[in-house]
Amino acid sequence: MIANEKRQFCLFFLCFIKRMCYHIFRYLSKYLNIYLWEDIMGDVFKALSDPTRRKILELLQKEPLNAGEIANYFQITKPSISHHLVILKNCGLIIDERKGQNIIYSIDMTVLQDMMKWFMNFMDRGESDNEEKSI
């Protein structure tokens, strides 16, 4: 019985340490510009929820464009396009590069690849759970 109590205490202690590390890292991330995966994913899902931003990504998938060229595809103001570009840039879906007086935007596949990897792992876990239930 004592071994079982020690085991439960160790599990409790490890969970406590894990939670404390998470909160410490989250607190420090505000000041060190370090982002947690959960925060990035939340920002990406918010960014992708808007049809204008999805259309911008589709345009940038074909070729890099500047803000004026992107704005030509929409019936909204240039400041609104700029706002959408900032959101996409902040969550890592696009990158910008200055060429002379223009800023050229292009799609950054890194975050999208990470999301696809997460989705595939999520789907694999779901299928393995379904297989276990059917057995």
N, C-alpha and C. Protein backbone atom coordinates (compact mmCIF):
# COMPACT_ATOMS: atom_id res chain seq x y z
N MET A 1 0.82 -1.20 0.00
CA MET A 1 0.00 0.00 0.00
C MET A 1 0.87 1.26 0.00
N ILE A 2 1.99 1.22 0.67
CA ILE A 2 2.87 2.39 0.73
C ILE A 2 3.43 2.69 -0.66
N ALA A 3 3.77 1.66 -1.43
CA ALA A 3 4.30 1.86 -2.79
C ALA A 3 3.26 2.55 -3.67
N ASN A 4 2.00 2.19 -3.52
CA ASN A 4 0.94 2.80 -4.29
C ASN A 4 0.78 4.28 -3.93
N GLU A 5 0.90 4.60 -2.65
CA GLU A 5 0.81 6.00 -2.22
C GLU A 5 1.99 6.80 -2.76
N LYS A 6 3.19 6.21 -2.76
CA LYS A 6 4.36 6.89 -3.31
C LYS A 6 4.17 7.15 -4.81
N ARG A 7 3.62 6.16 -5.49
CA ARG A 7 3.38 6.30 -6.93
C ARG A 7 2.38 7.43 -7.18
N GLN A 8 1.30 7.48 -6.42
CA GLN A 8 0.30 8.53 -6.60
C GLN A 8 0.90 9.90 -6.30
N PHE A 9 1.74 9.97 -5.25
CA PHE A 9 2.39 11.23 -4.92
C PHE A 9 3.31 11.67 -6.06
N CYS A 10 4.08 10.74 -6.61
CA CYS A 10 4.99 11.06 -7.71
C CYS A 10 4.22 11.56 -8.93
N LEU A 11 3.10 10.91 -9.25
CA LEU A 11 2.29 11.35 -10.37
C LEU A 11 1.73 12.75 -10.13
N PHE A 12 1.24 12.97 -8.91
CA PHE A 12 0.73 14.30 -8.55
C PHE A 12 1.82 15.34 -8.67
N PHE A 13 3.01 15.03 -8.16
CA PHE A 13 4.12 15.96 -8.18
C PHE A 13 4.55 16.28 -9.62
N LEU A 14 4.61 15.26 -10.47
CA LEU A 14 4.99 15.49 -11.86
C LEU A 14 3.97 16.36 -12.58
N CYS A 15 2.69 16.12 -12.33
CA CYS A 15 1.64 16.95 -12.93
C CYS A 15 1.74 18.39 -12.45
N PHE A 16 2.05 18.55 -11.16
CA PHE A 16 2.21 19.87 -10.58
C PHE A 16 3.39 20.60 -11.23
N ILE A 17 4.51 19.93 -11.38
CA ILE A 17 5.70 20.53 -11.99
C ILE A 17 5.41 20.90 -13.44
N LYS A 18 4.75 20.01 -14.16
CA LYS A 18 4.42 20.27 -15.56
C LYS A 18 3.54 21.52 -15.68
N ARG A 19 2.54 21.61 -14.82
CA ARG A 19 1.64 22.76 -14.85
C ARG A 19 2.38 24.05 -14.49
N MET A 20 3.26 23.99 -13.51
CA MET A 20 4.02 25.18 -13.12
C MET A 20 4.95 25.63 -14.25
N CYS A 21 5.61 24.68 -14.91
CA CYS A 21 6.49 25.02 -16.03
C CYS A 21 5.68 25.68 -17.14
N TYR A 22 4.50 25.15 -17.41
CA TYR A 22 3.64 25.73 -18.44
C TYR A 22 3.30 27.17 -18.09
N HIS A 23 2.90 27.43 -16.86
CA HIS A 23 2.51 28.79 -16.47
C HIS A 23 3.72 29.73 -16.45
N ILE A 24 4.86 29.25 -16.02
CA ILE A 24 6.07 30.08 -16.04
C ILE A 24 6.44 30.44 -17.47
N PHE A 25 6.43 29.44 -18.36
CA PHE A 25 6.76 29.70 -19.76
C PHE A 25 5.76 30.66 -20.38
N ARG A 26 4.50 30.49 -20.07
CA ARG A 26 3.46 31.38 -20.61
C ARG A 26 3.67 32.81 -20.12
N TYR A 27 4.02 32.97 -18.86
CA TYR A 27 4.28 34.29 -18.29
C TYR A 27 5.48 34.93 -18.98
N LEU A 28 6.57 34.15 -19.12
CA LEU A 28 7.77 34.68 -19.74
C LEU A 28 7.57 34.97 -21.23
N SER A 29 6.70 34.21 -21.88
CA SER A 29 6.50 34.39 -23.31
C SER A 29 5.96 35.77 -23.64
N LYS A 30 5.22 36.37 -22.71
CA LYS A 30 4.70 37.71 -22.94
C LYS A 30 5.83 38.73 -23.06
N TYR A 31 6.92 38.48 -22.34
CA TYR A 31 8.01 39.44 -22.29
C TYR A 31 9.17 39.08 -23.21
N LEU A 32 9.25 37.84 -23.65
CA LEU A 32 10.38 37.41 -24.47
C LEU A 32 9.99 37.12 -25.91
N ASN A 33 8.74 37.39 -26.27
CA ASN A 33 8.22 37.10 -27.61
C ASN A 33 8.43 35.64 -28.00
N ILE A 34 8.21 34.75 -27.06
CA ILE A 34 8.23 33.32 -27.33
C ILE A 34 6.77 32.89 -27.38
N TYR A 35 6.42 32.14 -28.39
CA TYR A 35 5.03 31.76 -28.56
C TYR A 35 4.83 30.27 -28.34
N LEU A 36 3.75 29.94 -27.68
CA LEU A 36 3.39 28.55 -27.47
C LEU A 36 2.67 28.03 -28.69
N TRP A 37 2.80 26.74 -28.95
CA TRP A 37 2.14 26.12 -30.09
C TRP A 37 0.63 26.37 -30.05
N GLU A 38 0.03 26.30 -28.85
CA GLU A 38 -1.42 26.51 -28.74
C GLU A 38 -1.80 27.92 -29.15
N ASP A 39 -0.97 28.89 -28.79
CA ASP A 39 -1.25 30.27 -29.16
C ASP A 39 -1.16 30.46 -30.67
N ILE A 40 -0.14 29.87 -31.27
CA ILE A 40 0.03 29.99 -32.72
C ILE A 40 -1.13 29.34 -33.44
N MET A 41 -1.51 28.14 -33.01
CA MET A 41 -2.61 27.45 -33.66
C MET A 41 -3.90 28.25 -33.55
N GLY A 42 -4.15 28.83 -32.38
CA GLY A 42 -5.35 29.66 -32.21
C GLY A 42 -5.35 30.83 -33.16
N ASP A 43 -4.20 31.50 -33.28
CA ASP A 43 -4.09 32.63 -34.20
C ASP A 43 -4.29 32.20 -35.65
N VAL A 44 -3.74 31.04 -36.01
CA VAL A 44 -3.88 30.55 -37.38
C VAL A 44 -5.34 30.24 -37.69
N PHE A 45 -6.02 29.56 -36.76
CA PHE A 45 -7.43 29.25 -37.00
C PHE A 45 -8.27 30.52 -37.10
N LYS A 46 -7.97 31.53 -36.28
CA LYS A 46 -8.69 32.80 -36.38
C LYS A 46 -8.43 33.46 -37.73
N ALA A 47 -7.17 33.43 -38.16
CA ALA A 47 -6.83 34.04 -39.44
C ALA A 47 -7.53 33.34 -40.60
N LEU A 48 -7.57 32.02 -40.54
CA LEU A 48 -8.18 31.25 -41.63
C LEU A 48 -9.70 31.30 -41.62
N SER A 49 -10.28 31.78 -40.54
CA SER A 49 -11.74 31.85 -40.45
C SER A 49 -12.33 32.95 -41.32
N ASP A 50 -11.49 33.89 -41.76
CA ASP A 50 -11.97 35.00 -42.57
C ASP A 50 -11.81 34.69 -44.06
N PRO A 51 -12.89 34.81 -44.85
CA PRO A 51 -12.79 34.49 -46.28
C PRO A 51 -11.83 35.40 -47.06
N THR A 52 -11.70 36.65 -46.65
CA THR A 52 -10.76 37.55 -47.33
C THR A 52 -9.34 37.07 -47.15
N ARG A 53 -8.99 36.68 -45.93
CA ARG A 53 -7.64 36.20 -45.68
C ARG A 53 -7.37 34.87 -46.41
N ARG A 54 -8.38 34.02 -46.48
CA ARG A 54 -8.20 32.77 -47.25
C ARG A 54 -7.95 33.08 -48.73
N LYS A 55 -8.67 34.05 -49.26
CA LYS A 55 -8.48 34.44 -50.66
C LYS A 55 -7.09 35.04 -50.87
N ILE A 56 -6.61 35.83 -49.91
CA ILE A 56 -5.25 36.39 -50.01
C ILE A 56 -4.23 35.26 -50.06
N LEU A 57 -4.42 34.24 -49.23
CA LEU A 57 -3.49 33.10 -49.25
C LEU A 57 -3.53 32.38 -50.59
N GLU A 58 -4.72 32.25 -51.16
CA GLU A 58 -4.83 31.62 -52.48
C GLU A 58 -4.09 32.42 -53.54
N LEU A 59 -4.20 33.75 -53.47
CA LEU A 59 -3.49 34.61 -54.43
C LEU A 59 -1.97 34.47 -54.26
N LEU A 60 -1.52 34.46 -53.01
CA LEU A 60 -0.09 34.38 -52.75
C LEU A 60 0.47 32.99 -53.04
N GLN A 61 -0.40 32.01 -53.08
CA GLN A 61 0.05 30.67 -53.43
C GLN A 61 0.49 30.63 -54.90
N LYS A 62 -0.17 31.44 -55.73
CA LYS A 62 0.16 31.48 -57.15
C LYS A 62 1.46 32.25 -57.40
N GLU A 63 1.59 33.40 -56.72
CA GLU A 63 2.79 34.24 -56.91
C GLU A 63 2.88 35.28 -55.80
N PRO A 64 4.10 35.74 -55.49
CA PRO A 64 4.25 36.83 -54.52
C PRO A 64 3.68 38.13 -55.09
N LEU A 65 3.04 38.92 -54.23
CA LEU A 65 2.40 40.17 -54.66
C LEU A 65 2.65 41.26 -53.63
N ASN A 66 2.56 42.52 -54.08
CA ASN A 66 2.60 43.62 -53.11
C ASN A 66 1.16 43.95 -52.69
N ALA A 67 1.02 44.82 -51.71
CA ALA A 67 -0.30 45.10 -51.14
C ALA A 67 -1.25 45.70 -52.18
N GLY A 68 -0.74 46.55 -53.05
CA GLY A 68 -1.59 47.14 -54.09
C GLY A 68 -2.13 46.10 -55.06
N GLU A 69 -1.27 45.17 -55.44
CA GLU A 69 -1.71 44.10 -56.35
C GLU A 69 -2.75 43.21 -55.68
N ILE A 70 -2.57 42.96 -54.40
CA ILE A 70 -3.56 42.16 -53.66
C ILE A 70 -4.88 42.92 -53.58
N ALA A 71 -4.81 44.21 -53.31
CA ALA A 71 -6.02 45.04 -53.16
C ALA A 71 -6.84 45.07 -54.46
N ASN A 72 -6.19 44.93 -55.60
CA ASN A 72 -6.91 44.95 -56.88
C ASN A 72 -7.92 43.82 -57.01
N TYR A 73 -7.75 42.76 -56.25
CA TYR A 73 -8.66 41.61 -56.33
C TYR A 73 -9.88 41.75 -55.42
N PHE A 74 -9.94 42.84 -54.64
CA PHE A 74 -11.00 42.98 -53.64
C PHE A 74 -11.72 44.31 -53.80
N GLN A 75 -12.93 44.36 -53.26
CA GLN A 75 -13.74 45.57 -53.26
C GLN A 75 -13.72 46.21 -51.87
N ILE A 76 -12.58 46.16 -51.19
CA ILE A 76 -12.45 46.77 -49.88
C ILE A 76 -11.27 47.75 -49.91
N THR A 77 -11.17 48.57 -48.89
CA THR A 77 -10.15 49.61 -48.87
C THR A 77 -8.75 49.03 -48.67
N LYS A 78 -7.75 49.79 -49.08
CA LYS A 78 -6.36 49.35 -48.92
C LYS A 78 -5.97 49.22 -47.44
N PRO A 79 -6.45 50.11 -46.55
CA PRO A 79 -6.14 49.90 -45.13
C PRO A 79 -6.72 48.57 -44.61
N SER A 80 -7.87 48.16 -45.12
CA SER A 80 -8.44 46.87 -44.71
C SER A 80 -7.56 45.72 -45.19
N ILE A 81 -7.06 45.82 -46.41
CA ILE A 81 -6.14 44.80 -46.93
C ILE A 81 -4.89 44.76 -46.07
N SER A 82 -4.38 45.93 -45.72
CA SER A 82 -3.19 46.01 -44.88
C SER A 82 -3.44 45.33 -43.53
N HIS A 83 -4.61 45.55 -42.97
CA HIS A 83 -4.98 44.92 -41.69
C HIS A 83 -4.97 43.39 -41.82
N HIS A 84 -5.54 42.88 -42.90
CA HIS A 84 -5.56 41.44 -43.13
C HIS A 84 -4.14 40.90 -43.30
N LEU A 85 -3.29 41.65 -43.99
CA LEU A 85 -1.91 41.22 -44.19
C LEU A 85 -1.14 41.16 -42.87
N VAL A 86 -1.41 42.13 -41.99
CA VAL A 86 -0.76 42.13 -40.68
C VAL A 86 -1.17 40.89 -39.88
N ILE A 87 -2.44 40.56 -39.90
CA ILE A 87 -2.92 39.37 -39.18
C ILE A 87 -2.27 38.11 -39.73
N LEU A 88 -2.21 37.99 -41.05
CA LEU A 88 -1.59 36.81 -41.66
C LEU A 88 -0.09 36.74 -41.35
N LYS A 89 0.54 37.89 -41.33
CA LYS A 89 1.98 37.93 -41.03
C LYS A 89 2.24 37.58 -39.56
N ASN A 90 1.42 38.11 -38.66
CA ASN A 90 1.63 37.87 -37.23
C ASN A 90 1.47 36.41 -36.84
N CYS A 91 0.66 35.67 -37.55
CA CYS A 91 0.50 34.25 -37.22
C CYS A 91 1.40 33.36 -38.07
N GLY A 92 2.25 33.97 -38.89
CA GLY A 92 3.27 33.21 -39.60
C GLY A 92 2.82 32.59 -40.91
N LEU A 93 1.66 32.99 -41.43
CA LEU A 93 1.18 32.41 -42.68
C LEU A 93 1.79 33.07 -43.91
N ILE A 94 2.24 34.32 -43.77
CA ILE A 94 2.90 34.99 -44.88
C ILE A 94 4.17 35.67 -44.37
N ILE A 95 5.05 35.95 -45.30
CA ILE A 95 6.26 36.72 -44.99
C ILE A 95 6.32 37.91 -45.93
N ASP A 96 7.02 38.94 -45.51
CA ASP A 96 7.17 40.10 -46.36
C ASP A 96 8.65 40.38 -46.59
N GLU A 97 8.93 40.93 -47.77
CA GLU A 97 10.31 41.25 -48.14
C GLU A 97 10.31 42.58 -48.87
N ARG A 98 11.14 43.48 -48.40
CA ARG A 98 11.20 44.81 -49.03
C ARG A 98 12.07 44.72 -50.29
N LYS A 99 11.48 45.19 -51.40
CA LYS A 99 12.21 45.30 -52.66
C LYS A 99 12.04 46.72 -53.16
N GLY A 100 13.05 47.54 -52.93
CA GLY A 100 12.95 48.96 -53.27
C GLY A 100 11.90 49.62 -52.39
N GLN A 101 10.91 50.26 -53.01
CA GLN A 101 9.85 50.92 -52.25
C GLN A 101 8.67 50.00 -51.98
N ASN A 102 8.68 48.80 -52.54
CA ASN A 102 7.57 47.87 -52.38
C ASN A 102 7.87 46.82 -51.31
N ILE A 103 6.81 46.36 -50.70
CA ILE A 103 6.90 45.21 -49.81
C ILE A 103 6.17 44.08 -50.52
N ILE A 104 6.91 43.02 -50.77
CA ILE A 104 6.36 41.88 -51.50
C ILE A 104 5.98 40.81 -50.48
N TYR A 105 4.74 40.35 -50.57
CA TYR A 105 4.23 39.32 -49.66
C TYR A 105 4.24 37.97 -50.37
N SER A 106 4.62 36.95 -49.62
CA SER A 106 4.57 35.59 -50.16
C SER A 106 4.10 34.66 -49.05
N ILE A 107 3.60 33.51 -49.45
CA ILE A 107 3.07 32.55 -48.49
C ILE A 107 4.23 31.82 -47.81
N ASP A 108 4.08 31.56 -46.53
CA ASP A 108 5.07 30.78 -45.77
C ASP A 108 4.42 29.45 -45.41
N MET A 109 4.89 28.38 -45.99
CA MET A 109 4.26 27.07 -45.84
C MET A 109 4.60 26.39 -44.52
N THR A 110 5.54 26.92 -43.75
CA THR A 110 5.98 26.25 -42.52
C THR A 110 4.84 26.01 -41.55
N VAL A 111 4.08 27.05 -41.25
CA VAL A 111 2.98 26.92 -40.29
C VAL A 111 1.90 25.99 -40.84
N LEU A 112 1.61 26.12 -42.13
CA LEU A 112 0.60 25.26 -42.74
C LEU A 112 1.04 23.80 -42.71
N GLN A 113 2.32 23.56 -42.92
CA GLN A 113 2.83 22.19 -42.86
C GLN A 113 2.72 21.65 -41.43
N ASP A 114 3.03 22.49 -40.45
CA ASP A 114 2.88 22.07 -39.05
C ASP A 114 1.43 21.75 -38.73
N MET A 115 0.51 22.57 -39.25
CA MET A 115 -0.91 22.31 -39.02
C MET A 115 -1.34 21.00 -39.65
N MET A 116 -0.87 20.74 -40.87
CA MET A 116 -1.23 19.50 -41.55
C MET A 116 -0.68 18.29 -40.79
N LYS A 117 0.53 18.44 -40.26
CA LYS A 117 1.11 17.36 -39.46
C LYS A 117 0.25 17.11 -38.23
N TRP A 118 -0.20 18.19 -37.58
CA TRP A 118 -1.06 18.06 -36.41
C TRP A 118 -2.37 17.37 -36.78
N PHE A 119 -2.98 17.80 -37.91
CA PHE A 119 -4.23 17.19 -38.35
C PHE A 119 -4.05 15.71 -38.63
N MET A 120 -2.96 15.37 -39.31
CA MET A 120 -2.73 13.96 -39.64
C MET A 120 -2.55 13.12 -38.37
N ASN A 121 -1.81 13.64 -37.41
CA ASN A 121 -1.65 12.93 -36.13
C ASN A 121 -2.99 12.81 -35.42
N PHE A 122 -3.78 13.87 -35.48
CA PHE A 122 -5.10 13.86 -34.86
C PHE A 122 -5.98 12.80 -35.51
N MET A 123 -5.95 12.73 -36.84
CA MET A 123 -6.75 11.75 -37.57
C MET A 123 -6.27 10.33 -37.28
N ASP A 124 -4.96 10.14 -37.20
CA ASP A 124 -4.41 8.81 -36.90
C ASP A 124 -4.87 8.34 -35.53
N ARG A 125 -4.87 9.25 -34.56
CA ARG A 125 -5.33 8.88 -33.22
C ARG A 125 -6.80 8.54 -33.23
N GLY A 126 -7.59 9.28 -33.98
CA GLY A 126 -9.03 9.02 -34.07
C GLY A 126 -9.31 7.67 -34.70
N GLU A 127 -8.56 7.31 -35.74
CA GLU A 127 -8.76 6.02 -36.40
C GLU A 127 -8.34 4.87 -35.48
N SER A 128 -7.24 5.07 -34.74
CA SER A 128 -6.79 3.99 -33.85
C SER A 128 -7.79 3.80 -32.70
N ASP A 129 -8.41 4.89 -32.24
CA ASP A 129 -9.45 4.77 -31.20
C ASP A 129 -10.65 4.02 -31.73
N ASN A 130 -11.05 4.33 -32.98
CA ASN A 130 -12.20 3.64 -33.58
C ASN A 130 -11.92 2.15 -33.78
N GLU A 131 -10.67 1.83 -34.18
CA GLU A 131 -10.31 0.43 -34.36
C GLU A 131 -10.37 -0.33 -33.04
N GLU A 132 -9.91 0.32 -31.96
CA GLU A 132 -9.94 -0.32 -30.64
C GLU A 132 -11.37 -0.56 -30.18
N LYS A 133 -12.28 0.38 -30.47
CA LYS A 133 -13.67 0.24 -30.06
C LYS A 133 -14.37 -0.87 -30.83
N SER A 134 -13.99 -1.06 -32.10
CA SER A 134 -14.66 -2.07 -32.91
C SER A 134 -14.20 -3.48 -32.57
N ILE A 135 -13.05 -3.60 -31.92
CA ILE A 135 -12.52 -4.93 -31.57
C ILE A 135 -13.18 -5.48 -30.36
